[in-house]
Amino acid sequence: SCHGADEIRSEIAWLHAIGQDTDIGIPTPVGRLDGKTVTEVAIPGEVNPICCAVYSWVPGVMIDDRLTEANVSRLGTLMAQLHDHAAGFSPPDGFRIRTFGYSRDRGNAGCYPHVTTIAVIMQ
């Protein structure tokens, strides 16, 4: 798995903070019957379990085929809001995420296909 249970729980913590601190529509984790939000699944033949979470759907439409100037401007505004929030975010104890450099340095670029896609588009 690209992300361990601690990393997924950290992602959930940041999404929760974004939801509380901004008006950005964010997906929320869907808890299991026991209330936990992260599940570890054993895969036959694999040494480590796969960790996963299920999130709610955020209403909206895909705009990948409608990249107008207005939509790209709105995307820029959204990215700025996320950067502003990240700059003031105080991670809780145990917060752990991988950065792009972590992934690249360890040969895990496949864990971040959207980063690879953006890099190809930018070339």
N, C-alpha and C. Protein backbone atom coordinates (compact mmCIF):
# COMPACT_ATOMS: atom_id res chain seq x y z
N SER A 1 0.84 -1.19 0.00
CA SER A 1 0.00 0.00 0.00
C SER A 1 0.87 1.24 0.00
N CYS A 2 0.41 2.27 -0.64
CA CYS A 2 1.16 3.52 -0.67
C CYS A 2 1.08 4.25 0.66
N HIS A 3 0.00 4.08 1.39
CA HIS A 3 -0.19 4.80 2.64
C HIS A 3 -0.51 3.83 3.76
N GLY A 4 0.15 4.03 4.89
CA GLY A 4 -0.13 3.23 6.06
C GLY A 4 -1.31 3.80 6.84
N ALA A 5 -1.74 3.07 7.85
CA ALA A 5 -2.89 3.49 8.66
C ALA A 5 -2.65 4.85 9.31
N ASP A 6 -1.45 5.09 9.83
CA ASP A 6 -1.17 6.38 10.47
C ASP A 6 -1.25 7.53 9.48
N GLU A 7 -0.80 7.30 8.24
CA GLU A 7 -0.87 8.34 7.23
C GLU A 7 -2.32 8.63 6.83
N ILE A 8 -3.12 7.60 6.73
CA ILE A 8 -4.53 7.82 6.39
C ILE A 8 -5.24 8.54 7.52
N ARG A 9 -4.97 8.17 8.76
CA ARG A 9 -5.57 8.88 9.90
C ARG A 9 -5.12 10.35 9.92
N SER A 10 -3.89 10.60 9.52
CA SER A 10 -3.39 11.98 9.45
C SER A 10 -4.11 12.76 8.36
N GLU A 11 -4.33 12.12 7.22
CA GLU A 11 -5.09 12.76 6.14
C GLU A 11 -6.49 13.12 6.62
N ILE A 12 -7.12 12.20 7.34
CA ILE A 12 -8.46 12.44 7.87
C ILE A 12 -8.44 13.62 8.85
N ALA A 13 -7.40 13.71 9.67
CA ALA A 13 -7.29 14.82 10.63
C ALA A 13 -7.19 16.15 9.89
N TRP A 14 -6.40 16.20 8.81
CA TRP A 14 -6.28 17.45 8.07
C TRP A 14 -7.58 17.78 7.35
N LEU A 15 -8.22 16.79 6.74
CA LEU A 15 -9.51 17.05 6.10
C LEU A 15 -10.53 17.58 7.10
N HIS A 16 -10.53 17.02 8.29
CA HIS A 16 -11.44 17.49 9.34
C HIS A 16 -11.16 18.96 9.66
N ALA A 17 -9.89 19.31 9.78
CA ALA A 17 -9.52 20.70 10.08
C ALA A 17 -9.93 21.62 8.93
N ILE A 18 -9.72 21.20 7.70
CA ILE A 18 -10.13 22.01 6.55
C ILE A 18 -11.64 22.25 6.60
N GLY A 19 -12.39 21.20 6.91
CA GLY A 19 -13.84 21.32 7.00
C GLY A 19 -14.30 22.26 8.10
N GLN A 20 -13.58 22.28 9.21
CA GLN A 20 -13.95 23.17 10.32
C GLN A 20 -13.52 24.61 10.08
N ASP A 21 -12.37 24.79 9.43
CA ASP A 21 -11.76 26.12 9.33
C ASP A 21 -12.08 26.87 8.04
N THR A 22 -12.64 26.20 7.04
CA THR A 22 -12.88 26.85 5.75
C THR A 22 -14.28 26.51 5.25
N ASP A 23 -14.62 27.11 4.12
CA ASP A 23 -15.89 26.77 3.48
C ASP A 23 -15.66 25.85 2.27
N ILE A 24 -14.49 25.22 2.21
CA ILE A 24 -14.17 24.30 1.13
C ILE A 24 -14.96 23.01 1.35
N GLY A 25 -15.64 22.55 0.32
CA GLY A 25 -16.35 21.28 0.41
C GLY A 25 -15.36 20.13 0.39
N ILE A 26 -15.32 19.35 1.44
CA ILE A 26 -14.34 18.27 1.54
C ILE A 26 -15.05 16.93 1.75
N PRO A 27 -14.42 15.85 1.32
CA PRO A 27 -15.00 14.53 1.61
C PRO A 27 -14.80 14.21 3.09
N THR A 28 -15.75 13.52 3.66
CA THR A 28 -15.62 13.11 5.06
C THR A 28 -15.51 11.59 5.10
N PRO A 29 -14.74 11.07 6.07
CA PRO A 29 -14.60 9.62 6.15
C PRO A 29 -15.91 8.97 6.57
N VAL A 30 -16.15 7.81 6.01
CA VAL A 30 -17.32 7.01 6.37
C VAL A 30 -16.84 5.95 7.36
N GLY A 31 -17.35 5.99 8.58
CA GLY A 31 -16.93 5.04 9.59
C GLY A 31 -17.51 3.65 9.38
N ARG A 32 -16.75 2.68 9.86
CA ARG A 32 -17.24 1.30 9.86
C ARG A 32 -18.29 1.16 10.96
N LEU A 33 -18.87 -0.02 11.10
CA LEU A 33 -19.87 -0.25 12.15
C LEU A 33 -19.29 -0.03 13.54
N ASP A 34 -17.97 -0.27 13.70
CA ASP A 34 -17.35 -0.07 15.01
C ASP A 34 -16.83 1.36 15.19
N GLY A 35 -17.08 2.24 14.21
CA GLY A 35 -16.69 3.63 14.30
C GLY A 35 -15.31 3.96 13.76
N LYS A 36 -14.49 2.96 13.51
CA LYS A 36 -13.16 3.22 12.97
C LYS A 36 -13.27 3.67 11.52
N THR A 37 -12.30 4.49 11.10
CA THR A 37 -12.34 5.01 9.73
C THR A 37 -11.26 4.42 8.83
N VAL A 38 -10.32 3.69 9.41
CA VAL A 38 -9.25 3.07 8.62
C VAL A 38 -9.34 1.56 8.79
N THR A 39 -9.25 0.86 7.68
CA THR A 39 -9.31 -0.60 7.69
C THR A 39 -8.02 -1.16 7.11
N GLU A 40 -7.48 -2.18 7.76
CA GLU A 40 -6.32 -2.89 7.24
C GLU A 40 -6.82 -4.23 6.70
N VAL A 41 -6.51 -4.50 5.44
CA VAL A 41 -6.99 -5.70 4.77
C VAL A 41 -5.79 -6.58 4.42
N ALA A 42 -5.80 -7.82 4.90
CA ALA A 42 -4.75 -8.78 4.57
C ALA A 42 -4.98 -9.29 3.15
N ILE A 43 -3.92 -9.29 2.35
CA ILE A 43 -3.98 -9.76 0.98
C ILE A 43 -3.12 -11.03 0.88
N PRO A 44 -3.71 -12.14 0.46
CA PRO A 44 -2.91 -13.37 0.34
C PRO A 44 -1.67 -13.15 -0.52
N GLY A 45 -0.54 -13.58 0.00
CA GLY A 45 0.72 -13.44 -0.73
C GLY A 45 1.45 -12.14 -0.47
N GLU A 46 0.81 -11.19 0.18
CA GLU A 46 1.45 -9.91 0.50
C GLU A 46 1.91 -9.92 1.95
N VAL A 47 3.07 -9.32 2.21
CA VAL A 47 3.61 -9.28 3.56
C VAL A 47 2.83 -8.32 4.44
N ASN A 48 2.56 -7.15 3.92
CA ASN A 48 1.87 -6.11 4.70
C ASN A 48 0.42 -5.97 4.27
N PRO A 49 -0.45 -5.65 5.21
CA PRO A 49 -1.85 -5.42 4.83
C PRO A 49 -2.00 -4.11 4.03
N ILE A 50 -3.07 -4.03 3.30
CA ILE A 50 -3.41 -2.80 2.58
C ILE A 50 -4.30 -1.98 3.51
N CYS A 51 -4.00 -0.71 3.65
CA CYS A 51 -4.80 0.18 4.49
C CYS A 51 -5.70 1.02 3.59
N CYS A 52 -6.93 1.19 4.02
CA CYS A 52 -7.86 1.95 3.19
C CYS A 52 -8.91 2.66 4.04
N ALA A 53 -9.55 3.63 3.43
CA ALA A 53 -10.65 4.37 4.05
C ALA A 53 -11.66 4.69 2.96
N VAL A 54 -12.89 4.87 3.36
CA VAL A 54 -13.96 5.25 2.43
C VAL A 54 -14.40 6.66 2.79
N TYR A 55 -14.56 7.50 1.78
CA TYR A 55 -14.95 8.89 1.99
C TYR A 55 -16.29 9.17 1.32
N SER A 56 -16.98 10.16 1.84
CA SER A 56 -18.24 10.58 1.22
C SER A 56 -17.94 11.23 -0.13
N TRP A 57 -18.97 11.27 -0.95
CA TRP A 57 -18.86 11.91 -2.26
C TRP A 57 -19.08 13.41 -2.08
N VAL A 58 -18.26 14.22 -2.73
CA VAL A 58 -18.44 15.67 -2.71
C VAL A 58 -19.25 16.04 -3.94
N PRO A 59 -20.42 16.65 -3.76
CA PRO A 59 -21.25 17.01 -4.92
C PRO A 59 -20.51 17.93 -5.88
N GLY A 60 -20.78 17.74 -7.13
CA GLY A 60 -20.17 18.59 -8.15
C GLY A 60 -20.06 17.83 -9.45
N VAL A 61 -19.41 18.44 -10.41
CA VAL A 61 -19.21 17.82 -11.71
C VAL A 61 -17.72 17.84 -12.03
N MET A 62 -17.28 16.87 -12.79
CA MET A 62 -15.90 16.84 -13.25
C MET A 62 -15.73 17.91 -14.32
N ILE A 63 -14.67 18.68 -14.22
CA ILE A 63 -14.47 19.76 -15.18
C ILE A 63 -13.25 19.52 -16.06
N ASP A 64 -12.70 18.30 -16.03
CA ASP A 64 -11.49 18.05 -16.79
C ASP A 64 -11.65 18.29 -18.29
N ASP A 65 -12.86 18.17 -18.79
CA ASP A 65 -13.08 18.45 -20.21
C ASP A 65 -13.65 19.85 -20.43
N ARG A 66 -13.69 20.65 -19.36
CA ARG A 66 -14.21 22.03 -19.45
C ARG A 66 -13.23 22.99 -18.77
N LEU A 67 -11.97 22.92 -19.16
CA LEU A 67 -10.97 23.77 -18.52
C LEU A 67 -10.99 25.17 -19.13
N THR A 68 -12.02 25.90 -18.77
CA THR A 68 -12.14 27.28 -19.22
C THR A 68 -11.28 28.18 -18.34
N GLU A 69 -11.09 29.40 -18.77
CA GLU A 69 -10.32 30.36 -17.97
C GLU A 69 -10.96 30.56 -16.60
N ALA A 70 -12.29 30.61 -16.55
CA ALA A 70 -12.99 30.80 -15.28
C ALA A 70 -12.78 29.59 -14.35
N ASN A 71 -12.85 28.37 -14.91
CA ASN A 71 -12.65 27.19 -14.08
C ASN A 71 -11.21 27.08 -13.56
N VAL A 72 -10.26 27.41 -14.40
CA VAL A 72 -8.86 27.38 -13.97
C VAL A 72 -8.62 28.45 -12.90
N SER A 73 -9.25 29.58 -13.03
CA SER A 73 -9.15 30.64 -12.01
C SER A 73 -9.73 30.16 -10.67
N ARG A 74 -10.87 29.49 -10.73
CA ARG A 74 -11.47 28.95 -9.50
C ARG A 74 -10.57 27.89 -8.88
N LEU A 75 -9.95 27.08 -9.71
CA LEU A 75 -9.00 26.07 -9.21
C LEU A 75 -7.83 26.76 -8.52
N GLY A 76 -7.32 27.82 -9.11
CA GLY A 76 -6.23 28.58 -8.48
C GLY A 76 -6.63 29.14 -7.13
N THR A 77 -7.85 29.65 -7.04
CA THR A 77 -8.36 30.17 -5.76
C THR A 77 -8.45 29.06 -4.73
N LEU A 78 -8.95 27.90 -5.12
CA LEU A 78 -9.04 26.76 -4.22
C LEU A 78 -7.66 26.33 -3.75
N MET A 79 -6.71 26.24 -4.66
CA MET A 79 -5.34 25.86 -4.28
C MET A 79 -4.74 26.88 -3.31
N ALA A 80 -5.00 28.16 -3.52
CA ALA A 80 -4.51 29.18 -2.60
C ALA A 80 -5.12 29.01 -1.22
N GLN A 81 -6.42 28.70 -1.17
CA GLN A 81 -7.08 28.47 0.13
C GLN A 81 -6.45 27.28 0.85
N LEU A 82 -6.18 26.21 0.12
CA LEU A 82 -5.55 25.04 0.72
C LEU A 82 -4.14 25.35 1.22
N HIS A 83 -3.38 26.10 0.44
CA HIS A 83 -2.03 26.50 0.87
C HIS A 83 -2.09 27.38 2.10
N ASP A 84 -3.01 28.33 2.13
CA ASP A 84 -3.17 29.20 3.30
C ASP A 84 -3.53 28.37 4.54
N HIS A 85 -4.44 27.43 4.37
CA HIS A 85 -4.82 26.59 5.50
C HIS A 85 -3.64 25.75 5.97
N ALA A 86 -2.92 25.16 5.04
CA ALA A 86 -1.76 24.33 5.40
C ALA A 86 -0.72 25.14 6.15
N ALA A 87 -0.53 26.39 5.76
CA ALA A 87 0.48 27.23 6.42
C ALA A 87 0.14 27.48 7.88
N GLY A 88 -1.15 27.50 8.21
CA GLY A 88 -1.55 27.76 9.59
C GLY A 88 -1.98 26.51 10.35
N PHE A 89 -1.90 25.35 9.70
CA PHE A 89 -2.36 24.11 10.30
C PHE A 89 -1.37 23.61 11.34
N SER A 90 -1.87 23.31 12.53
CA SER A 90 -1.03 22.71 13.59
C SER A 90 -1.37 21.23 13.67
N PRO A 91 -0.50 20.39 13.13
CA PRO A 91 -0.80 18.96 13.12
C PRO A 91 -0.89 18.39 14.53
N PRO A 92 -1.81 17.47 14.74
CA PRO A 92 -1.91 16.83 16.04
C PRO A 92 -0.73 15.89 16.27
N ASP A 93 -0.50 15.50 17.50
CA ASP A 93 0.55 14.53 17.81
C ASP A 93 0.35 13.28 16.96
N GLY A 94 1.44 12.75 16.46
CA GLY A 94 1.38 11.54 15.66
C GLY A 94 1.07 11.78 14.20
N PHE A 95 0.91 13.04 13.79
CA PHE A 95 0.60 13.36 12.39
C PHE A 95 1.75 12.91 11.50
N ARG A 96 1.41 12.19 10.44
CA ARG A 96 2.45 11.64 9.58
C ARG A 96 1.93 11.56 8.15
N ILE A 97 2.58 12.27 7.26
CA ILE A 97 2.24 12.17 5.84
C ILE A 97 3.52 12.04 5.04
N ARG A 98 3.39 11.52 3.86
CA ARG A 98 4.53 11.45 2.94
C ARG A 98 4.46 12.67 2.03
N THR A 99 5.60 13.18 1.71
CA THR A 99 5.67 14.30 0.77
C THR A 99 6.07 13.77 -0.59
N PHE A 100 5.98 14.61 -1.59
CA PHE A 100 6.38 14.19 -2.93
C PHE A 100 7.84 13.76 -2.92
N GLY A 101 8.71 14.49 -2.21
CA GLY A 101 10.12 14.12 -2.14
C GLY A 101 10.32 12.75 -1.52
N TYR A 102 9.54 12.44 -0.47
CA TYR A 102 9.63 11.12 0.17
C TYR A 102 9.33 10.04 -0.84
N SER A 103 8.27 10.23 -1.59
CA SER A 103 7.85 9.23 -2.57
C SER A 103 8.89 9.09 -3.67
N ARG A 104 9.35 10.20 -4.21
CA ARG A 104 10.32 10.18 -5.31
C ARG A 104 11.62 9.54 -4.87
N ASP A 105 12.10 9.89 -3.68
CA ASP A 105 13.38 9.38 -3.20
C ASP A 105 13.34 7.89 -2.93
N ARG A 106 12.17 7.33 -2.70
CA ARG A 106 12.05 5.90 -2.38
C ARG A 106 11.46 5.09 -3.53
N GLY A 107 11.35 5.71 -4.69
CA GLY A 107 10.85 4.98 -5.85
C GLY A 107 9.37 4.67 -5.80
N ASN A 108 8.59 5.49 -5.09
CA ASN A 108 7.15 5.26 -4.96
C ASN A 108 6.34 6.25 -5.78
N ALA A 109 6.84 6.68 -6.90
CA ALA A 109 6.13 7.70 -7.68
C ALA A 109 4.74 7.23 -8.08
N GLY A 110 4.53 5.92 -8.20
CA GLY A 110 3.22 5.40 -8.56
C GLY A 110 2.17 5.65 -7.51
N CYS A 111 2.59 6.00 -6.30
CA CYS A 111 1.63 6.31 -5.23
C CYS A 111 0.96 7.65 -5.47
N TYR A 112 1.52 8.47 -6.30
CA TYR A 112 1.00 9.80 -6.55
C TYR A 112 0.83 10.02 -8.05
N PRO A 113 -0.10 9.29 -8.69
CA PRO A 113 -0.24 9.42 -10.14
C PRO A 113 -0.62 10.82 -10.57
N HIS A 114 -1.38 11.56 -9.73
CA HIS A 114 -1.77 12.92 -10.10
C HIS A 114 -0.55 13.82 -10.19
N VAL A 115 0.46 13.59 -9.36
CA VAL A 115 1.69 14.39 -9.44
C VAL A 115 2.42 14.08 -10.74
N THR A 116 2.49 12.80 -11.10
CA THR A 116 3.13 12.41 -12.36
C THR A 116 2.38 13.03 -13.53
N THR A 117 1.06 13.02 -13.50
CA THR A 117 0.26 13.60 -14.58
C THR A 117 0.54 15.09 -14.72
N ILE A 118 0.57 15.79 -13.59
CA ILE A 118 0.85 17.24 -13.63
C ILE A 118 2.23 17.48 -14.20
N ALA A 119 3.21 16.67 -13.80
CA ALA A 119 4.58 16.84 -14.31
C ALA A 119 4.63 16.66 -15.81
N VAL A 120 3.89 15.69 -16.34
CA VAL A 120 3.86 15.45 -17.79
C VAL A 120 3.21 16.62 -18.50
N ILE A 121 2.13 17.14 -17.95
CA ILE A 121 1.43 18.27 -18.56
C ILE A 121 2.32 19.50 -18.59
N MET A 122 3.12 19.68 -17.54
CA MET A 122 3.95 20.88 -17.41
C MET A 122 5.16 20.84 -18.34
N GLN A 123 5.51 19.67 -18.87
CA GLN A 123 6.71 19.56 -19.71
C GLN A 123 6.53 20.20 -21.07
